[in-house]
C-alpha atoms as a PDB file:
ATOM      1  CA  UNK A   1      17.742 -60.232 147.315  1.00  0.00           C
ATOM      2  CA  UNK A   2      14.811 -61.502 149.087  1.00  0.00           C
ATOM      3  CA  UNK A   3      13.156 -62.844 152.204  1.00  0.00           C
ATOM      4  CA  UNK A   4      12.785 -66.568 152.837  1.00  0.00           C
ATOM      5  CA  UNK A   5      10.444 -68.426 155.161  1.00  0.00           C
ATOM      6  CA  UNK A   6      10.840 -72.055 156.191  1.00  0.00           C
ATOM      7  CA  UNK A   7       7.737 -73.739 157.569  1.00  0.00           C
ATOM      8  CA  UNK A   8       7.519 -76.881 159.641  1.00  0.00           C
ATOM      9  CA  UNK A   9       6.604 -79.991 157.841  1.00  0.00           C
ATOM     10  CA  UNK A  10       2.842 -80.265 157.883  1.00  0.00           C
ATOM     11  CA  UNK A  11       2.333 -76.898 159.048  1.00  0.00           C
ATOM     12  CA  UNK A  12      -0.093 -74.397 157.513  1.00  0.00           C
ATOM     13  CA  UNK A  13      -0.406 -70.557 156.949  1.00  0.00           C
ATOM     14  CA  UNK A  14      -1.126 -70.117 160.648  1.00  0.00           C
ATOM     15  CA  UNK A  15       1.881 -71.980 161.935  1.00  0.00           C
ATOM     16  CA  UNK A  16       4.723 -69.908 162.949  1.00  0.00           C
ATOM     17  CA  UNK A  17       7.834 -70.432 160.645  1.00  0.00           C
ATOM     18  CA  UNK A  18      10.635 -72.425 161.749  1.00  0.00           C
ATOM     19  CA  UNK A  19      13.052 -69.784 160.196  1.00  0.00           C
ATOM     20  CA  UNK A  20      12.601 -66.485 158.506  1.00  0.00           C
ATOM     21  CA  UNK A  21      15.686 -64.842 156.964  1.00  0.00           C
ATOM     22  CA  UNK A  22      17.190 -62.396 154.211  1.00  0.00           C
ATOM     23  CA  UNK A  23      19.275 -63.515 151.337  1.00  0.00           C
ATOM     24  CA  UNK A  24      21.364 -61.126 149.098  1.00  0.00           C
ATOM     25  CA  UNK A  25      22.830 -62.469 145.906  1.00  0.00           C
ATOM     26  CA  UNK A  26      22.026 -66.020 147.171  1.00  0.00           C
ATOM     27  CA  UNK A  27      23.942 -65.464 150.400  1.00  0.00           C
ATOM     28  CA  UNK A  28      22.051 -65.596 153.700  1.00  0.00           C
ATOM     29  CA  UNK A  29      22.818 -62.478 155.702  1.00  0.00           C
ATOM     30  CA  UNK A  30      20.300 -62.669 158.503  1.00  0.00           C
ATOM     31  CA  UNK A  31      18.291 -65.664 159.913  1.00  0.00           C
ATOM     32  CA  UNK A  32      16.062 -66.550 162.878  1.00  0.00           C
ATOM     33  CA  UNK A  33      14.057 -63.184 162.384  1.00  0.00           C
ATOM     34  CA  UNK A  34      10.809 -64.562 163.691  1.00  0.00           C
ATOM     35  CA  UNK A  35       8.303 -63.102 161.192  1.00  0.00           C
ATOM     36  CA  UNK A  36       8.005 -61.642 157.806  1.00  0.00           C
ATOM     37  CA  UNK A  37       7.278 -58.088 158.920  1.00  0.00           C
ATOM     38  CA  UNK A  38      10.592 -57.927 160.943  1.00  0.00           C
ATOM     39  CA  UNK A  39      12.376 -59.340 157.894  1.00  0.00           C
ATOM     40  CA  UNK A  40      11.002 -56.663 155.730  1.00  0.00           C
ATOM     41  CA  UNK A  41      12.089 -53.906 158.095  1.00  0.00           C
ATOM     42  CA  UNK A  42      15.496 -55.401 158.451  1.00  0.00           C
ATOM     43  CA  UNK A  43      15.852 -55.967 154.635  1.00  0.00           C
ATOM     44  CA  UNK A  44      15.235 -52.127 154.186  1.00  0.00           C
ATOM     45  CA  UNK A  45      17.891 -51.518 156.779  1.00  0.00           C
ATOM     46  CA  UNK A  46      20.500 -53.792 155.227  1.00  0.00           C
ATOM     47  CA  UNK A  47      19.760 -52.207 151.758  1.00  0.00           C
ATOM     48  CA  UNK A  48      20.325 -48.793 153.395  1.00  0.00           C
ATOM     49  CA  UNK A  49      23.288 -49.739 155.438  1.00  0.00           C
ATOM     50  CA  UNK A  50      25.129 -51.454 152.531  1.00  0.00           C
ATOM     51  CA  UNK A  51      23.982 -48.609 149.957  1.00  0.00           C
ATOM     52  CA  UNK A  52      22.452 -51.223 147.667  1.00  0.00           C
ATOM     53  CA  UNK A  53      20.227 -50.345 144.696  1.00  0.00           C
ATOM     54  CA  UNK A  54      16.719 -51.933 144.509  1.00  0.00           C
ATOM     55  CA  UNK A  55      16.568 -54.789 141.942  1.00  0.00           C
ATOM     56  CA  UNK A  56      15.109 -53.337 138.768  1.00  0.00           C
ATOM     57  CA  UNK A  57      12.239 -55.832 138.622  1.00  0.00           C
ATOM     58  CA  UNK A  58      11.286 -54.959 142.226  1.00  0.00           C
ATOM     59  CA  UNK A  59      12.029 -51.115 142.287  1.00  0.00           C
ATOM     60  CA  UNK A  60       8.422 -50.020 142.593  1.00  0.00           C
ATOM     61  CA  UNK A  61       7.706 -52.577 145.344  1.00  0.00           C
ATOM     62  CA  UNK A  62      10.690 -51.512 147.420  1.00  0.00           C
ATOM     63  CA  UNK A  63       9.939 -47.712 146.842  1.00  0.00           C
ATOM     64  CA  UNK A  64       6.305 -48.316 147.998  1.00  0.00           C
ATOM     65  CA  UNK A  65       7.586 -50.184 151.024  1.00  0.00           C
ATOM     66  CA  UNK A  66      10.012 -47.292 151.720  1.00  0.00           C
ATOM     67  CA  UNK A  67       7.971 -44.212 151.133  1.00  0.00           C
ATOM     68  CA  UNK A  68       4.431 -45.315 152.050  1.00  0.00           C
ATOM     69  CA  UNK A  69       4.731 -47.904 154.599  1.00  0.00           C
ATOM     70  CA  UNK A  70       7.926 -46.869 156.275  1.00  0.00           C
ATOM     71  CA  UNK A  71       7.363 -43.089 155.504  1.00  0.00           C
ATOM     72  CA  UNK A  72      11.005 -42.549 154.501  1.00  0.00           C
ATOM     73  CA  UNK A  73      11.391 -39.700 152.016  1.00  0.00           C
ATOM     74  CA  UNK A  74       7.643 -39.781 151.623  1.00  0.00           C
ATOM     75  CA  UNK A  75       7.281 -36.369 150.121  1.00  0.00           C
ATOM     76  CA  UNK A  76       8.962 -37.361 146.844  1.00  0.00           C
ATOM     77  CA  UNK A  77       6.847 -40.094 145.025  1.00  0.00           C
ATOM     78  CA  UNK A  78       7.405 -41.482 141.661  1.00  0.00           C
ATOM     79  CA  UNK A  79       4.368 -41.560 139.241  1.00  0.00           C
ATOM     80  CA  UNK A  80       4.017 -45.481 139.808  1.00  0.00           C
ATOM     81  CA  UNK A  81       4.292 -45.024 143.522  1.00  0.00           C
ATOM     82  CA  UNK A  82       1.794 -42.187 143.617  1.00  0.00           C
ATOM     83  CA  UNK A  83      -0.637 -44.368 141.621  1.00  0.00           C
ATOM     84  CA  UNK A  84      -0.249 -47.113 144.233  1.00  0.00           C
ATOM     85  CA  UNK A  85      -0.747 -44.733 147.116  1.00  0.00           C
ATOM     86  CA  UNK A  86      -4.015 -43.331 145.684  1.00  0.00           C
ATOM     87  CA  UNK A  87      -5.267 -46.968 145.223  1.00  0.00           C
ATOM     88  CA  UNK A  88      -4.700 -47.602 148.950  1.00  0.00           C
END
C-alpha cells in the first residue's frame, strides 16, 4: 500500500504533480487527489474503511500518522510512537 505521485516531464519539486493516487496491493484505488497531504488523509480513511492492517515494515509510520498527526486514539501510544512524539 502506498501513495504515488507523477510529475510532469521537466518539472521540479515545486511543480504541481500531474497525478497523485493511492495503491493497495498494486491496484490503484484512488487517483487525481491533487496533493500528497490529501492522499495521506484519504489513505488512512481507506485503511479504516476496509479494516486493513498496517504493513509490518511501516507499522510505526502509520501509527505516528494516526495518533500524533490525525489525533485518532491519541491517548494510547506504543513505546516507539511515544519516543517519536517526544522528539517532535
